[in-house]
Amino acid sequence: MQKANPYRPPAATVADQQEEYGEVKVLSASGRLGRVRYVGYSIGVTILVYVGVFFLGLLAGFARAEWMAGALGLLGLAVLLVLQILLTVQRCHDFNASGWVSLVAFIPLAALLFWFIPGTAGPNRFGPPPPPNSPRAILLASILPLIFVVGIVAAIALPAYHKYAQRAHQSSAQLPR
């Protein structure tokens, strides 16, 4: 009788399990969206809508149809609101909450909640986890802090420069000629 070798390799095929990721759908309320993509896509959508409304408003202004520029502005804001709600619903799904939690975004400063709550690590009731962040999503998300920093610096520097220019003008006016 032959004994089985206890040191032989296993007979079963062993393969690395690849993690399944969900599909990112910007124009849908289904699926999941991670924090970085949420911030990046929110900024990207906002910039695209603003630029589109700006150019359409310019065209309406050249056509001497000011009422059309106002209507296009309202339409752009409505489109932006719908897209932001869709993104926020997907973000709620990422941390395993109902899409109705997205109504919290209408409370001032409470919308920051969606930036800081981490998503569920694995699959949840809304599907598999979102794919890892691409460099484009990270770049879009890093635009927002840059805008904040530039805005704060401008809010401090411009009034200080204006006061400096006024004092310089006053002191040069007082010099004898």
N, C-alpha and C. Protein backbone atom coordinates (compact mmCIF):
# COMPACT_ATOMS: atom_id res chain seq x y z
N MET A 1 0.84 -1.16 0.00
CA MET A 1 0.00 0.00 0.00
C MET A 1 0.89 1.23 0.00
N GLN A 2 0.54 2.17 -0.89
CA GLN A 2 1.33 3.37 -1.02
C GLN A 2 0.69 4.49 -0.23
N LYS A 3 1.52 5.24 0.48
CA LYS A 3 1.02 6.36 1.27
C LYS A 3 1.14 7.63 0.44
N ALA A 4 0.20 8.55 0.66
CA ALA A 4 0.25 9.83 -0.04
C ALA A 4 1.35 10.69 0.57
N ASN A 5 2.07 11.36 -0.28
CA ASN A 5 3.16 12.21 0.18
C ASN A 5 2.57 13.46 0.84
N PRO A 6 2.85 13.69 2.11
CA PRO A 6 2.28 14.87 2.77
C PRO A 6 2.93 16.19 2.32
N TYR A 7 4.04 16.07 1.57
CA TYR A 7 4.75 17.28 1.15
C TYR A 7 4.49 17.67 -0.31
N ARG A 8 3.57 17.00 -0.94
CA ARG A 8 3.29 17.32 -2.33
C ARG A 8 2.47 18.61 -2.44
N PRO A 9 2.54 19.31 -3.56
CA PRO A 9 1.76 20.54 -3.72
C PRO A 9 0.27 20.22 -3.80
N PRO A 10 -0.56 21.18 -3.47
CA PRO A 10 -2.01 20.92 -3.50
C PRO A 10 -2.47 20.64 -4.93
N ALA A 11 -3.47 19.79 -5.04
CA ALA A 11 -3.99 19.40 -6.35
C ALA A 11 -4.98 20.44 -6.89
N ALA A 12 -5.58 21.19 -6.02
CA ALA A 12 -6.57 22.19 -6.45
C ALA A 12 -5.85 23.40 -7.06
N THR A 13 -6.48 23.98 -8.02
CA THR A 13 -5.89 25.19 -8.61
C THR A 13 -6.17 26.37 -7.69
N VAL A 14 -5.16 27.11 -7.41
CA VAL A 14 -5.27 28.26 -6.54
C VAL A 14 -5.01 29.50 -7.38
N ALA A 15 -5.96 30.39 -7.43
CA ALA A 15 -5.81 31.62 -8.21
C ALA A 15 -6.11 32.81 -7.31
N ASP A 16 -5.47 33.89 -7.61
CA ASP A 16 -5.74 35.10 -6.84
C ASP A 16 -7.15 35.58 -7.16
N GLN A 17 -7.87 35.88 -6.12
CA GLN A 17 -9.21 36.43 -6.29
C GLN A 17 -9.10 37.90 -6.64
N GLN A 18 -9.62 38.29 -7.79
CA GLN A 18 -9.61 39.70 -8.15
C GLN A 18 -10.88 40.33 -7.62
N GLU A 19 -10.70 41.48 -6.98
CA GLU A 19 -11.85 42.16 -6.40
C GLU A 19 -12.68 42.77 -7.51
N GLU A 20 -13.97 42.63 -7.38
CA GLU A 20 -14.89 43.16 -8.38
C GLU A 20 -15.26 44.60 -8.00
N TYR A 21 -15.19 45.47 -8.98
CA TYR A 21 -15.54 46.86 -8.75
C TYR A 21 -16.79 47.21 -9.52
N GLY A 22 -17.54 48.15 -8.98
CA GLY A 22 -18.74 48.62 -9.65
C GLY A 22 -18.39 49.63 -10.73
N GLU A 23 -19.34 49.90 -11.57
CA GLU A 23 -19.17 50.86 -12.65
C GLU A 23 -19.55 52.25 -12.15
N VAL A 24 -18.79 53.25 -12.54
CA VAL A 24 -19.09 54.63 -12.17
C VAL A 24 -20.04 55.21 -13.21
N LYS A 25 -21.22 55.60 -12.75
CA LYS A 25 -22.22 56.18 -13.64
C LYS A 25 -22.58 57.57 -13.11
N VAL A 26 -22.15 58.60 -13.80
CA VAL A 26 -22.40 59.96 -13.32
C VAL A 26 -23.86 60.34 -13.47
N LEU A 27 -24.50 59.91 -14.53
CA LEU A 27 -25.88 60.31 -14.81
C LEU A 27 -26.89 59.29 -14.30
N SER A 28 -26.64 58.69 -13.16
CA SER A 28 -27.52 57.69 -12.59
C SER A 28 -27.55 57.84 -11.08
N ALA A 29 -28.64 57.37 -10.48
CA ALA A 29 -28.71 57.39 -9.02
C ALA A 29 -28.36 56.03 -8.44
N SER A 30 -28.04 55.07 -9.29
CA SER A 30 -27.66 53.75 -8.79
C SER A 30 -26.14 53.62 -8.78
N GLY A 31 -25.67 52.75 -7.94
CA GLY A 31 -24.23 52.53 -7.84
C GLY A 31 -23.64 53.29 -6.66
N ARG A 32 -22.31 53.24 -6.60
CA ARG A 32 -21.59 53.86 -5.49
C ARG A 32 -20.53 54.79 -6.03
N LEU A 33 -20.20 55.81 -5.23
CA LEU A 33 -19.21 56.81 -5.61
C LEU A 33 -18.38 57.15 -4.39
N GLY A 34 -17.07 56.99 -4.49
CA GLY A 34 -16.16 57.27 -3.38
C GLY A 34 -16.00 58.75 -3.11
N ARG A 35 -15.33 59.07 -2.01
CA ARG A 35 -15.18 60.46 -1.58
C ARG A 35 -14.43 61.31 -2.59
N VAL A 36 -13.29 60.82 -3.06
CA VAL A 36 -12.47 61.63 -3.97
C VAL A 36 -13.21 61.87 -5.29
N ARG A 37 -13.82 60.83 -5.82
CA ARG A 37 -14.59 61.00 -7.05
C ARG A 37 -15.78 61.93 -6.82
N TYR A 38 -16.40 61.84 -5.67
CA TYR A 38 -17.55 62.72 -5.38
C TYR A 38 -17.12 64.18 -5.42
N VAL A 39 -16.05 64.51 -4.74
CA VAL A 39 -15.56 65.89 -4.73
C VAL A 39 -15.11 66.30 -6.13
N GLY A 40 -14.33 65.45 -6.78
CA GLY A 40 -13.83 65.77 -8.11
C GLY A 40 -14.92 65.92 -9.14
N TYR A 41 -15.87 64.99 -9.17
CA TYR A 41 -16.94 65.06 -10.14
C TYR A 41 -17.87 66.24 -9.84
N SER A 42 -18.08 66.54 -8.57
CA SER A 42 -18.91 67.71 -8.23
C SER A 42 -18.28 68.99 -8.76
N ILE A 43 -16.98 69.12 -8.58
CA ILE A 43 -16.29 70.31 -9.09
C ILE A 43 -16.29 70.32 -10.61
N GLY A 44 -16.00 69.18 -11.22
CA GLY A 44 -15.96 69.09 -12.68
C GLY A 44 -17.30 69.41 -13.32
N VAL A 45 -18.37 68.85 -12.77
CA VAL A 45 -19.71 69.12 -13.30
C VAL A 45 -20.06 70.59 -13.14
N THR A 46 -19.74 71.16 -11.99
CA THR A 46 -20.04 72.57 -11.75
C THR A 46 -19.30 73.46 -12.74
N ILE A 47 -18.03 73.19 -12.94
CA ILE A 47 -17.24 74.00 -13.88
C ILE A 47 -17.79 73.85 -15.29
N LEU A 48 -18.12 72.63 -15.71
CA LEU A 48 -18.66 72.42 -17.06
C LEU A 48 -19.99 73.15 -17.27
N VAL A 49 -20.87 73.07 -16.28
CA VAL A 49 -22.16 73.74 -16.41
C VAL A 49 -21.97 75.26 -16.44
N TYR A 50 -21.11 75.80 -15.56
CA TYR A 50 -20.88 77.24 -15.56
C TYR A 50 -20.28 77.73 -16.88
N VAL A 51 -19.32 76.99 -17.41
CA VAL A 51 -18.71 77.39 -18.68
C VAL A 51 -19.74 77.31 -19.81
N GLY A 52 -20.54 76.25 -19.82
CA GLY A 52 -21.58 76.13 -20.85
C GLY A 52 -22.59 77.25 -20.78
N VAL A 53 -23.06 77.56 -19.58
CA VAL A 53 -24.03 78.65 -19.42
C VAL A 53 -23.39 79.99 -19.79
N PHE A 54 -22.12 80.17 -19.47
CA PHE A 54 -21.44 81.42 -19.81
C PHE A 54 -21.41 81.64 -21.32
N PHE A 55 -20.98 80.60 -22.05
CA PHE A 55 -20.89 80.76 -23.51
C PHE A 55 -22.26 80.88 -24.16
N LEU A 56 -23.24 80.13 -23.66
CA LEU A 56 -24.59 80.28 -24.20
C LEU A 56 -25.16 81.65 -23.87
N GLY A 57 -24.83 82.16 -22.69
CA GLY A 57 -25.25 83.51 -22.33
C GLY A 57 -24.60 84.56 -23.20
N LEU A 58 -23.33 84.35 -23.55
CA LEU A 58 -22.66 85.28 -24.48
C LEU A 58 -23.36 85.28 -25.84
N LEU A 59 -23.68 84.09 -26.32
CA LEU A 59 -24.38 84.01 -27.60
C LEU A 59 -25.74 84.72 -27.53
N ALA A 60 -26.44 84.52 -26.43
CA ALA A 60 -27.74 85.19 -26.27
C ALA A 60 -27.55 86.71 -26.16
N GLY A 61 -26.48 87.14 -25.53
CA GLY A 61 -26.20 88.57 -25.42
C GLY A 61 -25.88 89.19 -26.77
N PHE A 62 -25.12 88.47 -27.59
CA PHE A 62 -24.83 88.96 -28.94
C PHE A 62 -26.08 89.01 -29.80
N ALA A 63 -27.02 88.12 -29.52
CA ALA A 63 -28.26 88.09 -30.28
C ALA A 63 -29.27 89.10 -29.72
N ARG A 64 -28.88 89.88 -28.73
CA ARG A 64 -29.75 90.87 -28.09
C ARG A 64 -31.00 90.23 -27.48
N ALA A 65 -30.82 89.04 -26.93
CA ALA A 65 -31.93 88.34 -26.27
C ALA A 65 -31.55 88.13 -24.81
N GLU A 66 -31.63 89.22 -24.03
CA GLU A 66 -31.23 89.15 -22.63
C GLU A 66 -32.12 88.20 -21.83
N TRP A 67 -33.40 88.13 -22.21
CA TRP A 67 -34.29 87.22 -21.50
C TRP A 67 -33.84 85.78 -21.67
N MET A 68 -33.25 85.47 -22.85
CA MET A 68 -32.77 84.12 -23.10
C MET A 68 -31.56 83.80 -22.23
N ALA A 69 -30.72 84.80 -21.99
CA ALA A 69 -29.56 84.59 -21.13
C ALA A 69 -30.01 84.24 -19.72
N GLY A 70 -31.03 84.94 -19.23
CA GLY A 70 -31.56 84.63 -17.90
C GLY A 70 -32.18 83.24 -17.84
N ALA A 71 -32.92 82.88 -18.89
CA ALA A 71 -33.54 81.56 -18.94
C ALA A 71 -32.48 80.47 -19.01
N LEU A 72 -31.40 80.71 -19.77
CA LEU A 72 -30.32 79.73 -19.85
C LEU A 72 -29.61 79.59 -18.50
N GLY A 73 -29.47 80.70 -17.78
CA GLY A 73 -28.87 80.64 -16.45
C GLY A 73 -29.70 79.79 -15.49
N LEU A 74 -31.03 79.98 -15.53
CA LEU A 74 -31.90 79.17 -14.67
C LEU A 74 -31.88 77.70 -15.08
N LEU A 75 -31.86 77.44 -16.39
CA LEU A 75 -31.78 76.07 -16.87
C LEU A 75 -30.46 75.42 -16.44
N GLY A 76 -29.37 76.16 -16.52
CA GLY A 76 -28.08 75.64 -16.08
C GLY A 76 -28.07 75.31 -14.61
N LEU A 77 -28.68 76.18 -13.80
CA LEU A 77 -28.75 75.88 -12.35
C LEU A 77 -29.60 74.66 -12.08
N ALA A 78 -30.68 74.47 -12.83
CA ALA A 78 -31.52 73.28 -12.65
C ALA A 78 -30.75 72.01 -13.02
N VAL A 79 -30.02 72.07 -14.14
CA VAL A 79 -29.20 70.91 -14.55
C VAL A 79 -28.15 70.61 -13.50
N LEU A 80 -27.50 71.66 -12.99
CA LEU A 80 -26.47 71.47 -11.96
C LEU A 80 -27.07 70.86 -10.69
N LEU A 81 -28.25 71.31 -10.30
CA LEU A 81 -28.90 70.77 -9.10
C LEU A 81 -29.21 69.29 -9.27
N VAL A 82 -29.73 68.91 -10.43
CA VAL A 82 -30.07 67.50 -10.67
C VAL A 82 -28.80 66.64 -10.65
N LEU A 83 -27.75 67.10 -11.33
CA LEU A 83 -26.50 66.32 -11.36
C LEU A 83 -25.88 66.19 -9.97
N GLN A 84 -25.92 67.26 -9.19
CA GLN A 84 -25.37 67.20 -7.82
C GLN A 84 -26.17 66.24 -6.95
N ILE A 85 -27.49 66.23 -7.13
CA ILE A 85 -28.31 65.29 -6.35
C ILE A 85 -27.97 63.85 -6.74
N LEU A 86 -27.81 63.59 -8.03
CA LEU A 86 -27.45 62.23 -8.47
C LEU A 86 -26.11 61.80 -7.88
N LEU A 87 -25.13 62.69 -7.89
CA LEU A 87 -23.82 62.35 -7.32
C LEU A 87 -23.92 62.13 -5.81
N THR A 88 -24.72 62.92 -5.14
CA THR A 88 -24.85 62.80 -3.69
C THR A 88 -25.57 61.51 -3.31
N VAL A 89 -26.56 61.10 -4.11
CA VAL A 89 -27.24 59.83 -3.85
C VAL A 89 -26.25 58.68 -3.98
N GLN A 90 -25.41 58.70 -5.00
CA GLN A 90 -24.40 57.65 -5.15
C GLN A 90 -23.41 57.67 -3.99
N ARG A 91 -23.09 58.86 -3.51
CA ARG A 91 -22.17 58.96 -2.36
C ARG A 91 -22.82 58.36 -1.12
N CYS A 92 -24.13 58.58 -0.94
CA CYS A 92 -24.84 57.97 0.19
C CYS A 92 -24.81 56.45 0.08
N HIS A 93 -24.97 55.93 -1.12
CA HIS A 93 -24.92 54.49 -1.33
C HIS A 93 -23.55 53.92 -0.96
N ASP A 94 -22.50 54.72 -1.11
CA ASP A 94 -21.16 54.22 -0.80
C ASP A 94 -21.00 53.95 0.68
N PHE A 95 -21.62 54.74 1.54
CA PHE A 95 -21.52 54.42 2.97
C PHE A 95 -22.78 53.74 3.48
N ASN A 96 -23.45 53.00 2.56
CA ASN A 96 -24.57 52.11 2.87
C ASN A 96 -25.75 52.84 3.50
N ALA A 97 -26.04 54.03 3.00
CA ALA A 97 -27.20 54.79 3.46
C ALA A 97 -28.16 54.98 2.30
N SER A 98 -29.39 55.22 2.63
CA SER A 98 -30.40 55.46 1.61
C SER A 98 -30.11 56.76 0.88
N GLY A 99 -30.58 56.86 -0.33
CA GLY A 99 -30.41 58.08 -1.12
C GLY A 99 -31.14 59.26 -0.53
N TRP A 100 -32.11 59.02 0.32
CA TRP A 100 -32.85 60.11 0.95
C TRP A 100 -31.97 60.92 1.90
N VAL A 101 -30.87 60.32 2.34
CA VAL A 101 -29.94 61.05 3.21
C VAL A 101 -29.31 62.22 2.45
N SER A 102 -29.35 62.17 1.13
CA SER A 102 -28.78 63.26 0.32
C SER A 102 -29.50 64.58 0.55
N LEU A 103 -30.69 64.55 1.12
CA LEU A 103 -31.40 65.79 1.43
C LEU A 103 -30.67 66.62 2.49
N VAL A 104 -29.77 65.98 3.22
CA VAL A 104 -28.95 66.70 4.21
C VAL A 104 -28.08 67.74 3.52
N ALA A 105 -27.80 67.55 2.24
CA ALA A 105 -26.95 68.48 1.49
C ALA A 105 -27.57 69.87 1.38
N PHE A 106 -28.87 69.98 1.60
CA PHE A 106 -29.53 71.29 1.54
C PHE A 106 -29.37 72.09 2.83
N ILE A 107 -28.82 71.47 3.86
CA ILE A 107 -28.55 72.18 5.11
C ILE A 107 -27.15 72.78 5.01
N PRO A 108 -27.02 74.08 5.23
CA PRO A 108 -25.69 74.70 5.09
C PRO A 108 -24.65 74.01 5.98
N LEU A 109 -23.49 73.80 5.43
CA LEU A 109 -22.32 73.16 6.05
C LEU A 109 -22.52 71.68 6.38
N ALA A 110 -23.75 71.18 6.35
CA ALA A 110 -23.96 69.76 6.61
C ALA A 110 -23.57 68.93 5.39
N ALA A 111 -23.46 69.57 4.23
CA ALA A 111 -23.05 68.86 3.02
C ALA A 111 -21.61 68.35 3.13
N LEU A 112 -20.83 68.95 4.02
CA LEU A 112 -19.45 68.48 4.23
C LEU A 112 -19.43 67.08 4.81
N LEU A 113 -20.55 66.64 5.35
CA LEU A 113 -20.68 65.28 5.88
C LEU A 113 -20.30 64.26 4.81
N PHE A 114 -20.67 64.51 3.56
CA PHE A 114 -20.42 63.56 2.48
C PHE A 114 -18.94 63.52 2.10
N TRP A 115 -18.18 64.50 2.50
CA TRP A 115 -16.75 64.52 2.21
C TRP A 115 -15.96 63.67 3.19
N PHE A 116 -16.47 63.50 4.40
CA PHE A 116 -15.66 62.90 5.47
C PHE A 116 -16.08 61.50 5.87
N ILE A 117 -17.31 61.09 5.61
CA ILE A 117 -17.73 59.74 5.99
C ILE A 117 -17.10 58.74 5.04
N PRO A 118 -16.35 57.76 5.57
CA PRO A 118 -15.73 56.78 4.67
C PRO A 118 -16.77 55.81 4.12
N GLY A 119 -16.49 55.28 2.96
CA GLY A 119 -17.38 54.31 2.33
C GLY A 119 -17.22 52.93 2.94
N THR A 120 -18.17 52.06 2.64
CA THR A 120 -18.10 50.68 3.08
C THR A 120 -16.95 49.99 2.36
N ALA A 121 -16.17 49.21 3.09
CA ALA A 121 -14.96 48.60 2.52
C ALA A 121 -15.26 47.63 1.39
N GLY A 122 -16.21 46.76 1.56
CA GLY A 122 -16.52 45.76 0.54
C GLY A 122 -17.86 46.04 -0.09
N PRO A 123 -18.43 45.00 -0.69
CA PRO A 123 -19.76 45.18 -1.26
C PRO A 123 -20.79 45.48 -0.17
N ASN A 124 -21.78 46.27 -0.50
CA ASN A 124 -22.88 46.52 0.42
C ASN A 124 -24.18 46.33 -0.34
N ARG A 125 -25.30 46.72 0.22
CA ARG A 125 -26.59 46.45 -0.41
C ARG A 125 -26.80 47.24 -1.70
N PHE A 126 -25.92 48.20 -1.99
CA PHE A 126 -26.05 49.00 -3.20
C PHE A 126 -25.06 48.57 -4.29
N GLY A 127 -24.29 47.53 -4.04
CA GLY A 127 -23.42 47.02 -5.08
C GLY A 127 -21.98 46.90 -4.64
N PRO A 128 -21.12 46.52 -5.59
CA PRO A 128 -19.70 46.38 -5.27
C PRO A 128 -19.05 47.75 -5.05
N PRO A 129 -17.87 47.78 -4.45
CA PRO A 129 -17.22 49.07 -4.18
C PRO A 129 -16.84 49.78 -5.49
N PRO A 130 -16.70 51.10 -5.43
CA PRO A 130 -16.29 51.83 -6.63
C PRO A 130 -14.84 51.51 -6.98
N PRO A 131 -14.46 51.69 -8.24
CA PRO A 131 -13.07 51.40 -8.62
C PRO A 131 -12.10 52.37 -7.96
N PRO A 132 -10.82 52.01 -7.91
CA PRO A 132 -9.83 52.92 -7.32
C PRO A 132 -9.81 54.24 -8.10
N ASN A 133 -9.39 55.28 -7.42
CA ASN A 133 -9.39 56.62 -8.02
C ASN A 133 -8.35 56.73 -9.13
N SER A 134 -8.76 57.34 -10.21
CA SER A 134 -7.84 57.59 -11.32
C SER A 134 -7.10 58.90 -11.06
N PRO A 135 -5.99 59.12 -11.73
CA PRO A 135 -5.27 60.39 -11.55
C PRO A 135 -6.12 61.61 -11.92
N ARG A 136 -7.03 61.45 -12.90
CA ARG A 136 -7.90 62.57 -13.27
C ARG A 136 -8.85 62.92 -12.14
N ALA A 137 -9.41 61.91 -11.47
CA ALA A 137 -10.32 62.18 -10.36
C ALA A 137 -9.58 62.85 -9.21
N ILE A 138 -8.36 62.42 -8.95
CA ILE A 138 -7.56 63.04 -7.89
C ILE A 138 -7.22 64.48 -8.24
N LEU A 139 -6.90 64.72 -9.51
CA LEU A 139 -6.60 66.09 -9.96
C LEU A 139 -7.83 66.98 -9.83
N LEU A 140 -8.99 66.49 -10.24
CA LEU A 140 -10.21 67.29 -10.10
C LEU A 140 -10.52 67.59 -8.63
N ALA A 141 -10.32 66.60 -7.77
CA ALA A 141 -10.61 66.80 -6.35
C ALA A 141 -9.62 67.77 -5.70
N SER A 142 -8.40 67.84 -6.23
CA SER A 142 -7.42 68.75 -5.63
C SER A 142 -7.59 70.18 -6.13
N ILE A 143 -8.46 70.41 -7.10
CA ILE A 143 -8.73 71.78 -7.55
C ILE A 143 -9.44 72.57 -6.46
N LEU A 144 -10.33 71.92 -5.72
CA LEU A 144 -11.11 72.62 -4.71
C LEU A 144 -10.25 73.24 -3.62
N PRO A 145 -9.33 72.50 -2.99
CA PRO A 145 -8.48 73.16 -2.00
C PRO A 145 -7.66 74.30 -2.60
N LEU A 146 -7.25 74.15 -3.85
CA LEU A 146 -6.50 75.20 -4.52
C LEU A 146 -7.36 76.46 -4.67
N ILE A 147 -8.62 76.28 -5.02
CA ILE A 147 -9.53 77.42 -5.14
C ILE A 147 -9.71 78.08 -3.77
N PHE A 148 -9.85 77.29 -2.72
CA PHE A 148 -9.98 77.86 -1.37
C PHE A 148 -8.76 78.68 -0.98
N VAL A 149 -7.58 78.12 -1.22
CA VAL A 149 -6.35 78.82 -0.85
C VAL A 149 -6.20 80.11 -1.64
N VAL A 150 -6.43 80.05 -2.94
CA VAL A 150 -6.33 81.25 -3.77
C VAL A 150 -7.36 82.29 -3.34
N GLY A 151 -8.56 81.85 -3.02
CA GLY A 151 -9.59 82.78 -2.55
C GLY A 151 -9.24 83.45 -1.24
N ILE A 152 -8.70 82.68 -0.31
CA ILE A 152 -8.32 83.26 0.99
C ILE A 152 -7.17 84.24 0.82
N VAL A 153 -6.17 83.86 0.03
CA VAL A 153 -5.04 84.75 -0.20
C VAL A 153 -5.51 86.03 -0.90
N ALA A 154 -6.40 85.90 -1.86
CA ALA A 154 -6.91 87.07 -2.56
C ALA A 154 -7.73 87.95 -1.63
N ALA A 155 -8.51 87.34 -0.75
CA ALA A 155 -9.32 88.12 0.18
C ALA A 155 -8.46 88.90 1.16
N ILE A 156 -7.29 88.40 1.46
CA ILE A 156 -6.39 89.10 2.38
C ILE A 156 -5.50 90.07 1.62
N ALA A 157 -4.96 89.63 0.50
CA ALA A 157 -3.94 90.42 -0.20
C ALA A 157 -4.52 91.61 -0.96
N LEU A 158 -5.66 91.46 -1.59
CA LEU A 158 -6.19 92.56 -2.40
C LEU A 158 -6.55 93.79 -1.57
N PRO A 159 -7.26 93.66 -0.45
CA PRO A 159 -7.50 94.87 0.37
C PRO A 159 -6.21 95.47 0.92
N ALA A 160 -5.25 94.62 1.30
CA ALA A 160 -3.98 95.14 1.80
C ALA A 160 -3.23 95.89 0.71
N TYR A 161 -3.24 95.37 -0.51
CA TYR A 161 -2.59 96.06 -1.62
C TYR A 161 -3.31 97.36 -1.94
N HIS A 162 -4.61 97.36 -1.87
CA HIS A 162 -5.38 98.58 -2.14
C HIS A 162 -5.04 99.67 -1.12
N LYS A 163 -4.96 99.30 0.16
CA LYS A 163 -4.57 100.28 1.19
C LYS A 163 -3.15 100.78 0.96
N TYR A 164 -2.25 99.88 0.60
CA TYR A 164 -0.87 100.26 0.32
C TYR A 164 -0.82 101.23 -0.86
N ALA A 165 -1.57 100.96 -1.90
CA ALA A 165 -1.58 101.84 -3.08
C ALA A 165 -2.15 103.21 -2.72
N GLN A 166 -3.19 103.25 -1.89
CA GLN A 166 -3.76 104.54 -1.47
C GLN A 166 -2.74 105.33 -0.65
N ARG A 167 -2.06 104.67 0.29
CA ARG A 167 -1.07 105.38 1.09
C ARG A 167 0.09 105.88 0.23
N ALA A 168 0.50 105.08 -0.73
CA ALA A 168 1.58 105.50 -1.62
C ALA A 168 1.15 106.69 -2.47
N HIS A 169 -0.08 106.68 -2.91
CA HIS A 169 -0.59 107.80 -3.71
C HIS A 169 -0.69 109.06 -2.86
N GLN A 170 -1.17 108.90 -1.62
CA GLN A 170 -1.27 110.07 -0.74
C GLN A 170 0.10 110.62 -0.38
N SER A 171 1.05 109.73 -0.12
CA SER A 171 2.40 110.24 0.26
C SER A 171 3.07 110.87 -0.96
N SER A 172 2.83 110.38 -2.17
CA SER A 172 3.45 111.02 -3.34
C SER A 172 2.77 112.35 -3.65
N ALA A 173 1.52 112.51 -3.27
CA ALA A 173 0.84 113.78 -3.50
C ALA A 173 1.32 114.83 -2.51
N GLN A 174 1.83 114.41 -1.34
CA GLN A 174 2.29 115.37 -0.32
C GLN A 174 3.74 115.79 -0.53
N LEU A 175 4.46 115.13 -1.42
CA LEU A 175 5.85 115.51 -1.65
C LEU A 175 5.91 116.86 -2.35
N PRO A 176 6.89 117.71 -1.94
CA PRO A 176 7.01 119.01 -2.62
C PRO A 176 7.53 118.81 -4.03
N ARG A 177 7.09 119.68 -4.90
CA ARG A 177 7.49 119.56 -6.31
C ARG A 177 8.42 120.65 -6.69
